[in-house]
Structures are given as structure tokens and as C-alpha cells.
C-alpha atoms as a PDB file:
ATOM      1  CA  MET A   1      17.953  19.344 -18.452  1.00  0.00           C
ATOM      2  CA  ASP A   2      15.888  17.747 -15.266  1.00  0.00           C
ATOM      3  CA  PHE A   3      15.452  14.313 -16.017  1.00  0.00           C
ATOM      4  CA  THR A   4      12.256  14.219 -13.838  1.00  0.00           C
ATOM      5  CA  ASN A   5      10.237  16.545 -16.694  1.00  0.00           C
ATOM      6  CA  LYS A   6       9.861  13.169 -18.468  1.00  0.00           C
ATOM      7  CA  TYR A   7       7.657  11.563 -16.136  1.00  0.00           C
ATOM      8  CA  THR A   8       5.474  14.095 -14.384  1.00  0.00           C
ATOM      9  CA  ASP A   9       4.679  17.591 -13.914  1.00  0.00           C
ATOM     10  CA  SER A  10       4.460  17.962 -10.526  1.00  0.00           C
ATOM     11  CA  GLN A  11       6.568  19.393  -8.183  1.00  0.00           C
ATOM     12  CA  GLU A  12       6.225  17.473  -5.447  1.00  0.00           C
ATOM     13  CA  GLU A  13       6.585  14.546  -7.513  1.00  0.00           C
ATOM     14  CA  LYS A  14       9.902  16.098  -9.203  1.00  0.00           C
ATOM     15  CA  ILE A  15      10.704  16.520  -5.213  1.00  0.00           C
ATOM     16  CA  MET A  16      10.383  12.858  -4.669  1.00  0.00           C
ATOM     17  CA  LEU A  17      12.299  11.867  -7.575  1.00  0.00           C
ATOM     18  CA  ARG A  18      15.746  13.693  -7.249  1.00  0.00           C
ATOM     19  CA  LYS A  19      15.373  12.483  -3.674  1.00  0.00           C
ATOM     20  CA  ILE A  20      15.752   8.922  -5.642  1.00  0.00           C
ATOM     21  CA  ASP A  21      18.604   9.997  -7.335  1.00  0.00           C
ATOM     22  CA  ASP A  22      20.388  11.502  -4.939  1.00  0.00           C
ATOM     23  CA  LEU A  23      19.991   7.968  -2.843  1.00  0.00           C
ATOM     24  CA  ILE A  24      21.336   7.061  -6.271  1.00  0.00           C
ATOM     25  CA  ARG A  25      24.832   9.044  -6.582  1.00  0.00           C
ATOM     26  CA  ARG A  26      25.182   8.761  -2.854  1.00  0.00           C
ATOM     27  CA  SER A  27      25.001   4.877  -3.115  1.00  0.00           C
ATOM     28  CA  GLU A  28      27.325   4.994  -5.726  1.00  0.00           C
ATOM     29  CA  ARG A  29      30.368   7.436  -3.678  1.00  0.00           C
ATOM     30  CA  SER A  30      29.671   5.193   0.085  1.00  0.00           C
ATOM     31  CA  PHE A  31      29.418   1.350  -2.125  1.00  0.00           C
ATOM     32  CA  THR A  32      26.851   0.854   0.239  1.00  0.00           C
ATOM     33  CA  VAL A  33      23.265   0.662  -0.178  1.00  0.00           C
ATOM     34  CA  LEU A  34      20.496   2.855   0.681  1.00  0.00           C
ATOM     35  CA  TYR A  35      17.485   2.920   0.974  1.00  0.00           C
ATOM     36  CA  SER A  36      14.624   5.169   1.088  1.00  0.00           C
ATOM     37  CA  HIS A  37      11.192   6.158   3.404  1.00  0.00           C
ATOM     38  CA  PHE A  38       8.411   4.373   3.028  1.00  0.00           C
ATOM     39  CA  LEU A  39       6.342   5.380   0.055  1.00  0.00           C
ATOM     40  CA  THR A  40       3.196   4.956  -1.712  1.00  0.00           C
ATOM     41  CA  PRO A  41       2.326   2.417  -4.200  1.00  0.00           C
ATOM     42  CA  ALA A  42       1.990   5.738  -6.326  1.00  0.00           C
ATOM     43  CA  GLU A  43       5.161   6.192  -5.587  1.00  0.00           C
ATOM     44  CA  GLN A  44       6.734   3.094  -6.490  1.00  0.00           C
ATOM     45  CA  MET A  45       4.827   3.267  -9.934  1.00  0.00           C
ATOM     46  CA  LEU A  46       6.071   6.177 -11.166  1.00  0.00           C
ATOM     47  CA  ILE A  47       9.235   5.582  -9.346  1.00  0.00           C
ATOM     48  CA  GLY A  48       9.529   1.941 -11.632  1.00  0.00           C
ATOM     49  CA  ARG A  49       8.939   4.123 -14.468  1.00  0.00           C
ATOM     50  CA  VAL A  50      11.935   6.001 -14.779  1.00  0.00           C
ATOM     51  CA  THR A  51      14.287   4.334 -16.952  1.00  0.00           C
ATOM     52  CA  GLU A  52      18.011   6.234 -15.495  1.00  0.00           C
ATOM     53  CA  PHE A  53      16.873   4.167 -12.214  1.00  0.00           C
ATOM     54  CA  TYR A  54      16.544   0.569 -14.079  1.00  0.00           C
ATOM     55  CA  GLY A  55      18.426  -1.945 -12.160  1.00  0.00           C
ATOM     56  CA  ILE A  56      19.325   0.544 -10.091  1.00  0.00           C
ATOM     57  CA  ILE A  57      16.342   0.115  -7.713  1.00  0.00           C
ATOM     58  CA  SER A  58      13.299  -2.075  -5.447  1.00  0.00           C
ATOM     59  CA  PHE A  59      11.156  -2.307  -3.331  1.00  0.00           C
ATOM     60  CA  ASP A  60      10.764  -4.353   0.178  1.00  0.00           C
ATOM     61  CA  GLY A  61       8.083  -3.890   2.135  1.00  0.00           C
ATOM     62  CA  GLY A  62       8.874  -6.120   4.977  1.00  0.00           C
ATOM     63  CA  TYR A  63       6.702  -9.284   2.952  1.00  0.00           C
ATOM     64  CA  GLU A  64       5.651  -9.726   0.203  1.00  0.00           C
ATOM     65  CA  ASP A  65       1.743  -8.118  -0.730  1.00  0.00           C
ATOM     66  CA  ALA A  66       3.121  -5.071   1.202  1.00  0.00           C
ATOM     67  CA  GLU A  67       1.772  -1.998  -0.153  1.00  0.00           C
ATOM     68  CA  ARG A  68       3.951   0.829   1.427  1.00  0.00           C
ATOM     69  CA  ARG A  69       7.539  -0.238   0.531  1.00  0.00           C
ATOM     70  CA  MET A  70      10.753   1.403   0.735  1.00  0.00           C
ATOM     71  CA  CYS A  71      13.391   2.118  -2.513  1.00  0.00           C
ATOM     72  CA  ARG A  72      16.078   0.111  -2.080  1.00  0.00           C
ATOM     73  CA  VAL A  73      19.534   0.955  -4.342  1.00  0.00           C
ATOM     74  CA  CYS A  74      22.138  -0.957  -5.549  1.00  0.00           C
ATOM     75  CA  THR A  75      24.445   0.445  -7.320  1.00  0.00           C
ATOM     76  CA  ALA A  76      26.491  -2.414  -7.330  1.00  0.00           C
ATOM     77  CA  GLU A  77      26.911  -6.333  -6.807  1.00  0.00           C
ATOM     78  CA  TYR A  78      30.000  -6.590  -4.373  1.00  0.00           C
ATOM     79  CA  GLU A  79      27.753  -4.144  -1.825  1.00  0.00           C
ATOM     80  CA  ALA A  80      27.066  -5.126   1.407  1.00  0.00           C
ATOM     81  CA  ASP A  81      23.070  -4.738   2.038  1.00  0.00           C
ATOM     82  CA  GLU A  82      22.158  -5.456   5.972  1.00  0.00           C
ATOM     83  CA  GLY A  83      18.436  -5.317   4.883  1.00  0.00           C
ATOM     84  CA  ALA A  84      15.855  -2.713   4.701  1.00  0.00           C
ATOM     85  CA  PRO A  85      15.887   0.162   8.251  1.00  0.00           C
ATOM     86  CA  LEU A  86      12.460  -1.294   8.850  1.00  0.00           C
ATOM     87  CA  GLU A  87      11.085  -2.852  12.364  1.00  0.00           C
ATOM     88  CA  LEU A  88       7.841  -5.279  12.020  1.00  0.00           C
ATOM     89  CA  PHE A  89       5.978  -4.618  15.748  1.00  0.00           C
ATOM     90  CA  ARG A  90       2.614  -5.942  17.955  1.00  0.00           C
ATOM     91  CA  ALA A  91      -0.211  -4.096  19.225  1.00  0.00           C
ATOM     92  CA  VAL A  92      -2.139  -6.226  21.975  1.00  0.00           C
ATOM     93  CA  SER A  93      -5.246  -4.531  23.597  1.00  0.00           C
ATOM     94  CA  THR A  94      -5.816  -5.142  27.085  1.00  0.00           C
ATOM     95  CA  ALA A  95      -9.397  -4.548  27.244  1.00  0.00           C
ATOM     96  CA  PRO A  96     -11.279  -7.458  25.419  1.00  0.00           C
ATOM     97  CA  GLU A  97     -13.610  -4.497  24.238  1.00  0.00           C
ATOM     98  CA  ALA A  98     -11.449  -2.683  21.480  1.00  0.00           C
ATOM     99  CA  ASN A  99     -12.289  -2.464  18.225  1.00  0.00           C
ATOM    100  CA  TRP A 100      -9.568  -0.424  16.386  1.00  0.00           C
ATOM    101  CA  SER A 101      -9.583   0.736  13.301  1.00  0.00           C
ATOM    102  CA  HIS A 102      -6.914   0.975  10.805  1.00  0.00           C
ATOM    103  CA  ARG A 103      -7.338   4.745  10.866  1.00  0.00           C
ATOM    104  CA  ASP A 104      -6.755   4.050  14.959  1.00  0.00           C
ATOM    105  CA  VAL A 105      -3.984   3.062  14.986  1.00  0.00           C
ATOM    106  CA  LEU A 106      -1.812   5.433  12.293  1.00  0.00           C
ATOM    107  CA  GLY A 107      -3.589   8.424  14.631  1.00  0.00           C
ATOM    108  CA  SER A 108      -1.734   7.328  17.156  1.00  0.00           C
ATOM    109  CA  LEU A 109       1.458   7.055  15.416  1.00  0.00           C
ATOM    110  CA  MET A 110       1.108  10.048  13.687  1.00  0.00           C
ATOM    111  CA  GLY A 111       0.050  11.939  17.154  1.00  0.00           C
ATOM    112  CA  LEU A 112       3.223  11.059  18.292  1.00  0.00           C
ATOM    113  CA  GLY A 113       4.929  13.022  15.680  1.00  0.00           C
ATOM    114  CA  ILE A 114       5.457  10.673  13.713  1.00  0.00           C
ATOM    115  CA  LYS A 115       5.314  11.129  10.113  1.00  0.00           C
ATOM    116  CA  ARG A 116       3.242   9.244   7.710  1.00  0.00           C
ATOM    117  CA  GLU A 117       6.195   8.424   5.309  1.00  0.00           C
ATOM    118  CA  MET A 118       7.878   6.832   8.763  1.00  0.00           C
ATOM    119  CA  ILE A 119       5.037   3.907   9.315  1.00  0.00           C
ATOM    120  CA  GLY A 120       4.773   0.952   7.249  1.00  0.00           C
ATOM    121  CA  ASP A 121       1.784  -0.685   5.668  1.00  0.00           C
ATOM    122  CA  ILE A 122      -1.019  -1.459   8.960  1.00  0.00           C
ATOM    123  CA  ILE A 123      -2.512  -4.757   9.265  1.00  0.00           C
ATOM    124  CA  MET A 124      -5.097  -4.897  11.617  1.00  0.00           C
ATOM    125  CA  LEU A 125      -6.340  -8.797  13.524  1.00  0.00           C
ATOM    126  CA  GLU A 126      -8.759  -9.376  16.115  1.00  0.00           C
ATOM    127  CA  ARG A 127      -7.949  -7.062  19.434  1.00  0.00           C
ATOM    128  CA  GLU A 128      -4.486  -7.016  17.444  1.00  0.00           C
ATOM    129  CA  ALA A 129      -2.935  -5.217  14.433  1.00  0.00           C
ATOM    130  CA  MET A 130       0.603  -4.994  13.258  1.00  0.00           C
ATOM    131  CA  PHE A 131       2.966  -2.356  11.415  1.00  0.00           C
ATOM    132  CA  PHE A 132       6.599  -1.591  10.439  1.00  0.00           C
ATOM    133  CA  CYS A 133       7.664   1.786  11.204  1.00  0.00           C
ATOM    134  CA  ASP A 134      11.506   2.799   9.771  1.00  0.00           C
ATOM    135  CA  ARG A 135      14.488   1.599  12.121  1.00  0.00           C
ATOM    136  CA  SER A 136      15.195   5.109  12.719  1.00  0.00           C
ATOM    137  CA  VAL A 137      11.996   5.920  15.315  1.00  0.00           C
ATOM    138  CA  SER A 138      11.814   2.216  16.319  1.00  0.00           C
ATOM    139  CA  ASP A 139      12.318   2.955  19.570  1.00  0.00           C
ATOM    140  CA  TYR A 140      10.554   6.065  20.265  1.00  0.00           C
ATOM    141  CA  VAL A 141       7.680   4.006  19.477  1.00  0.00           C
ATOM    142  CA  ASN A 142       8.575   1.674  21.300  1.00  0.00           C
ATOM    143  CA  ILE A 143       8.760   4.061  24.415  1.00  0.00           C
ATOM    144  CA  ASN A 144       5.682   6.174  23.780  1.00  0.00           C
ATOM    145  CA  LEU A 145       2.928   3.933  22.339  1.00  0.00           C
ATOM    146  CA  GLU A 146       0.634   3.054  25.031  1.00  0.00           C
ATOM    147  CA  LYS A 147      -2.845   3.888  23.815  1.00  0.00           C
ATOM    148  CA  ILE A 148      -3.841   3.008  20.254  1.00  0.00           C
ATOM    149  CA  GLY A 149      -7.593   5.034  20.655  1.00  0.00           C
ATOM    150  CA  ARG A 150      -8.807   5.192  24.326  1.00  0.00           C
ATOM    151  CA  TYR A 151      -7.497   1.365  25.337  1.00  0.00           C
ATOM    152  CA  LYS A 152      -4.189   0.779  26.336  1.00  0.00           C
ATOM    153  CA  VAL A 153      -1.589  -1.754  24.556  1.00  0.00           C
ATOM    154  CA  LYS A 154       0.860  -4.066  25.453  1.00  0.00           C
ATOM    155  CA  LEU A 155       3.052  -3.464  22.331  1.00  0.00           C
ATOM    156  CA  SER A 156       6.587  -6.402  21.542  1.00  0.00           C
ATOM    157  CA  LYS A 157       8.980  -6.042  18.573  1.00  0.00           C
ATOM    158  CA  THR A 158       8.817  -9.320  16.437  1.00  0.00           C
ATOM    159  CA  GLU A 159      10.318 -11.191  13.730  1.00  0.00           C
ATOM    160  CA  LEU A 160       9.507 -10.510  10.190  1.00  0.00           C
ATOM    161  CA  SER A 161       9.025 -14.496   9.978  1.00  0.00           C
ATOM    162  CA  ASP A 162       5.787 -14.005  11.896  1.00  0.00           C
ATOM    163  CA  ILE A 163       3.800 -11.455   9.976  1.00  0.00           C
ATOM    164  CA  SER A 164       0.216 -12.320   9.897  1.00  0.00           C
ATOM    165  CA  GLN A 165      -0.834 -11.624   5.993  1.00  0.00           C
ATOM    166  CA  PRO A 166      -4.062  -9.473   5.487  1.00  0.00           C
ATOM    167  CA  GLU A 167      -6.685 -12.341   5.304  1.00  0.00           C
ATOM    168  CA  THR A 168      -8.683 -12.341   1.774  1.00  0.00           C
ATOM    169  CA  VAL A 169     -11.545 -14.166   0.681  1.00  0.00           C
ATOM    170  CA  LYS A 170     -12.157 -15.228  -3.373  1.00  0.00           C
ATOM    171  CA  LYS A 171     -15.939 -14.864  -4.957  1.00  0.00           C
ATOM    172  CA  SER A 172     -17.620 -15.030  -8.146  1.00  0.00           C
ATOM    173  CA  VAL A 173     -18.875 -11.599  -9.077  1.00  0.00           C
ATOM    174  CA  ASN A 174     -22.021 -11.577 -11.939  1.00  0.00           C
ATOM    175  CA  ILE A 175     -21.426  -8.788 -13.871  1.00  0.00           C
ATOM    176  CA  SER A 176     -22.747  -6.999 -17.096  1.00  0.00           C
ATOM    177  CA  SER A 177     -19.132  -5.066 -18.201  1.00  0.00           C
ATOM    178  CA  PRO A 178     -16.053  -5.368 -16.936  1.00  0.00           C
ATOM    179  CA  ARG A 179     -16.075  -2.118 -16.404  1.00  0.00           C
ATOM    180  CA  LEU A 180     -14.967  -0.105 -13.572  1.00  0.00           C
ATOM    181  CA  ASP A 181     -18.548   0.885 -12.537  1.00  0.00           C
ATOM    182  CA  CYS A 182     -19.944  -2.887 -13.206  1.00  0.00           C
ATOM    183  CA  VAL A 183     -17.211  -4.287 -11.509  1.00  0.00           C
ATOM    184  CA  CYS A 184     -17.386  -1.758  -8.625  1.00  0.00           C
ATOM    185  CA  ALA A 185     -21.286  -1.992  -7.474  1.00  0.00           C
ATOM    186  CA  GLU A 186     -20.753  -5.692  -7.388  1.00  0.00           C
ATOM    187  CA  CYS A 187     -17.708  -5.773  -5.538  1.00  0.00           C
ATOM    188  CA  PHE A 188     -18.621  -2.976  -3.003  1.00  0.00           C
ATOM    189  CA  GLY A 189     -23.044  -3.629  -2.834  1.00  0.00           C
ATOM    190  CA  LEU A 190     -23.550  -0.522  -4.936  1.00  0.00           C
ATOM    191  CA  SER A 191     -26.189   0.251  -7.323  1.00  0.00           C
ATOM    192  CA  ARG A 192     -24.151   0.531 -11.264  1.00  0.00           C
ATOM    193  CA  THR A 193     -25.853   4.723 -10.861  1.00  0.00           C
ATOM    194  CA  LYS A 194     -23.847   4.720  -7.000  1.00  0.00           C
ATOM    195  CA  ALA A 195     -21.032   3.062  -8.149  1.00  0.00           C
ATOM    196  CA  ALA A 196     -20.601   5.169 -10.951  1.00  0.00           C
ATOM    197  CA  ASP A 197     -20.929   8.350  -8.949  1.00  0.00           C
ATOM    198  CA  ALA A 198     -18.117   7.213  -6.573  1.00  0.00           C
ATOM    199  CA  ILE A 199     -15.697   6.726  -9.314  1.00  0.00           C
ATOM    200  CA  ARG A 200     -16.359  10.098 -10.391  1.00  0.00           C
ATOM    201  CA  LYS A 201     -15.680  12.430  -7.223  1.00  0.00           C
ATOM    202  CA  GLY A 202     -12.458  10.596  -7.015  1.00  0.00           C
ATOM    203  CA  LEU A 203     -13.703   7.980  -4.550  1.00  0.00           C
ATOM    204  CA  VAL A 204     -12.037   4.725  -6.378  1.00  0.00           C
ATOM    205  CA  SER A 205      -8.090   3.585  -7.555  1.00  0.00           C
ATOM    206  CA  VAL A 206      -7.187   1.420  -9.966  1.00  0.00           C
ATOM    207  CA  ASP A 207      -3.758  -0.156  -8.846  1.00  0.00           C
ATOM    208  CA  TRP A 208      -4.023   2.493  -5.851  1.00  0.00           C
ATOM    209  CA  GLN A 209      -4.032   5.468  -8.895  1.00  0.00           C
ATOM    210  CA  PRO A 210      -7.190   7.558  -8.956  1.00  0.00           C
ATOM    211  CA  CYS A 211      -9.732   6.875 -11.468  1.00  0.00           C
ATOM    212  CA  GLU A 212     -12.311   8.960 -12.413  1.00  0.00           C
ATOM    213  CA  ASN A 213     -12.969   7.046 -15.715  1.00  0.00           C
ATOM    214  CA  VAL A 214     -16.152   4.880 -15.405  1.00  0.00           C
ATOM    215  CA  SER A 215     -15.900   2.948 -18.492  1.00  0.00           C
ATOM    216  CA  ARG A 216     -12.484   2.584 -17.940  1.00  0.00           C
ATOM    217  CA  GLU A 217     -12.079  -1.648 -18.915  1.00  0.00           C
ATOM    218  CA  LEU A 218     -10.100  -4.455 -16.583  1.00  0.00           C
ATOM    219  CA  ARG A 219      -8.211  -7.139 -17.557  1.00  0.00           C
ATOM    220  CA  GLY A 220      -7.670  -8.933 -14.250  1.00  0.00           C
ATOM    221  CA  GLY A 221      -5.278  -9.253 -12.241  1.00  0.00           C
ATOM    222  CA  GLU A 222      -5.711  -5.062 -10.668  1.00  0.00           C
ATOM    223  CA  LYS A 223      -6.203  -3.521  -7.629  1.00  0.00           C
ATOM    224  CA  ILE A 224      -9.587  -1.652  -6.905  1.00  0.00           C
ATOM    225  CA  SER A 225     -10.394   0.504  -3.596  1.00  0.00           C
ATOM    226  CA  LEU A 226     -13.035   2.663  -2.689  1.00  0.00           C
ATOM    227  CA  ARG A 227     -12.705   5.072   0.081  1.00  0.00           C
ATOM    228  CA  GLY A 228     -15.040   4.412   2.554  1.00  0.00           C
ATOM    229  CA  LYS A 229     -15.953   0.261   1.134  1.00  0.00           C
ATOM    230  CA  GLY A 230     -12.210  -1.379   1.174  1.00  0.00           C
ATOM    231  CA  LYS A 231     -10.382  -3.065  -1.348  1.00  0.00           C
ATOM    232  CA  VAL A 232     -10.569  -6.006  -3.988  1.00  0.00           C
ATOM    233  CA  ARG A 233      -8.446  -7.513  -6.716  1.00  0.00           C
ATOM    234  CA  TYR A 234      -9.868  -8.450  -9.641  1.00  0.00           C
ATOM    235  CA  LEU A 235      -8.331 -12.152 -11.361  1.00  0.00           C
ATOM    236  CA  GLY A 236     -11.020 -11.150 -14.577  1.00  0.00           C
ATOM    237  CA  ILE A 237     -13.799 -13.272 -16.747  1.00  0.00           C
ATOM    238  CA  THR A 238     -14.131 -16.565 -15.150  1.00  0.00           C
ATOM    239  CA  GLY A 239     -17.197 -17.332 -17.853  1.00  0.00           C
ATOM    240  CA  THR A 240     -20.787 -16.276 -19.512  1.00  0.00           C
ATOM    241  CA  SER A 241     -23.719 -16.965 -18.320  1.00  0.00           C
ATOM    242  CA  LYS A 242     -26.497 -17.989 -20.837  1.00  0.00           C
ATOM    243  CA  LYS A 243     -27.919 -14.263 -20.720  1.00  0.00           C
ATOM    244  CA  GLY A 244     -24.596 -13.030 -22.235  1.00  0.00           C
ATOM    245  CA  ARG A 245     -23.385 -12.035 -18.873  1.00  0.00           C
ATOM    246  CA  SER A 246     -19.761 -12.087 -17.584  1.00  0.00           C
ATOM    247  CA  PHE A 247     -19.230 -14.539 -14.529  1.00  0.00           C
ATOM    248  CA  ALA A 248     -15.892 -13.033 -12.738  1.00  0.00           C
ATOM    249  CA  GLU A 249     -13.536 -13.733 -10.384  1.00  0.00           C
ATOM    250  CA  ILE A 250     -12.638 -11.276  -7.491  1.00  0.00           C
ATOM    251  CA  GLU A 251     -10.318 -11.839  -4.193  1.00  0.00           C
ATOM    252  CA  LYS A 252     -11.640  -9.484  -1.762  1.00  0.00           C
ATOM    253  CA  TYR A 253      -9.704  -8.258   1.519  1.00  0.00           C
ATOM    254  CA  ILE A 254     -10.878  -8.361   4.975  1.00  0.00           C
END
């Protein structure tokens, strides 16, 4: 019986789970630690639910708060591990007027013919960007990435310890309830009607999973993203006003 049937009906997701299972079998035969390509947060959540993988897999994206991570497969404690096969690049613009976006960086990398699964997190900074890629394509990137958008770049490999963590700011918001539509409205500066409309259209994800349930109750700790508007972490209720509204704390990614 195909074990993947217990976890998903999606053929694409079943293929992905079988690839992880194949990594496990290869690790057992070779007595080595193996890694997958970069996985989306949703793929990681699915893999993490598979009981057949318990105690064998973990994830590594190069830094603690990474979203796109590789699946690490280790079937025995004594297996040698050289670490995740990833490289960190820093791209600095030579033009003071350069104003890149995440899309610009990703588009320039994929424009070289590199698949999305070979690219990890992209961290945007002022006039520069840091990004991870699979070590198997790192030399190709180093030689061929000359521009991001229309601006020339100075590209260099850098140590993982030099990573610049995404900047966040904490703030308190006033919400009528911890429903998803109420929280989205306050976090992203929308009316409750527009927030609910965005949720129904599938533009909102909670913990990287699309959510179309406007009345979903949030408990605290969830990451919420709205396509085109950014991402926040909902930290939970901190108090109640005299009028019965709730004070909640959020962490917004800048």
C-alpha cells in the first residue's frame, strides 16, 4: 500500500513524499546524511506530518528563521554530516538609485535557467540582497549573475554567520475579535470587508497554507501573509479595552 495516500490526495505532493522516502532509503544504504532541494513551508509541514519519517528528518535553511529549507535525512546517529549543501550570496548594487524587490532578485536568478527549488530565502536590504542557493548551482550563479533588474551587481559568497536577519517591528493593534478577517484588516490597513474579500479569493495564507475561512479563530503564533501586502506574525491577545475590544500584539516584517 502506498503510504502517501494517508497524507494527501494531490499527485504532486505524493511524488514529493516519495522523493523524501527515496532519500531515506539511499541514506540507509550509503550510511550518509542526505539533503533534498529547497522546500516551501507548506511542503515542510506536510513532510513533518508523515509518521514514517519521525526521528529521521529535520530541516535546514541556513539560518534560524528561514522559510524555504532543505529536508535533512539522517538514518543513524553515527553518520557523517558536512552540513546542508547551500551557499549564501551577497549582491550589492553599483548604482545608488537601485531599488530592488524580492521579485527582481528571484526573476534574475530564474532568468539564468535556475529552478525555483534550487533557490532558498531571499533577504532584501538597502541597495543589496542576500540569498541562498543550492551548492550545485553556486558556481554557475557566481559566474553568470551580472545584473538584478537593470542594475549591475557586485556578487560575492559570504559566511552563514554574516546573515542579516529580516527586520521586524512589534506593535499593538485593536481588534474586535481574533478572527482572521479582523486581524488581517488591522494588520494590513484594510476595511474588514476588503480583508474578507481577499481571504475568500485565496490571497491570504496562515502558516504558509492558503486559508479562505474568514471566521477562522487565531490562537497566537501564526504567520499571516497577504499577497502583495506583506507578512506578519500574530502573537496573540494581550488585554481588553473597556468597550470590550481586544488588544493584540503583532510582529510585522519590514
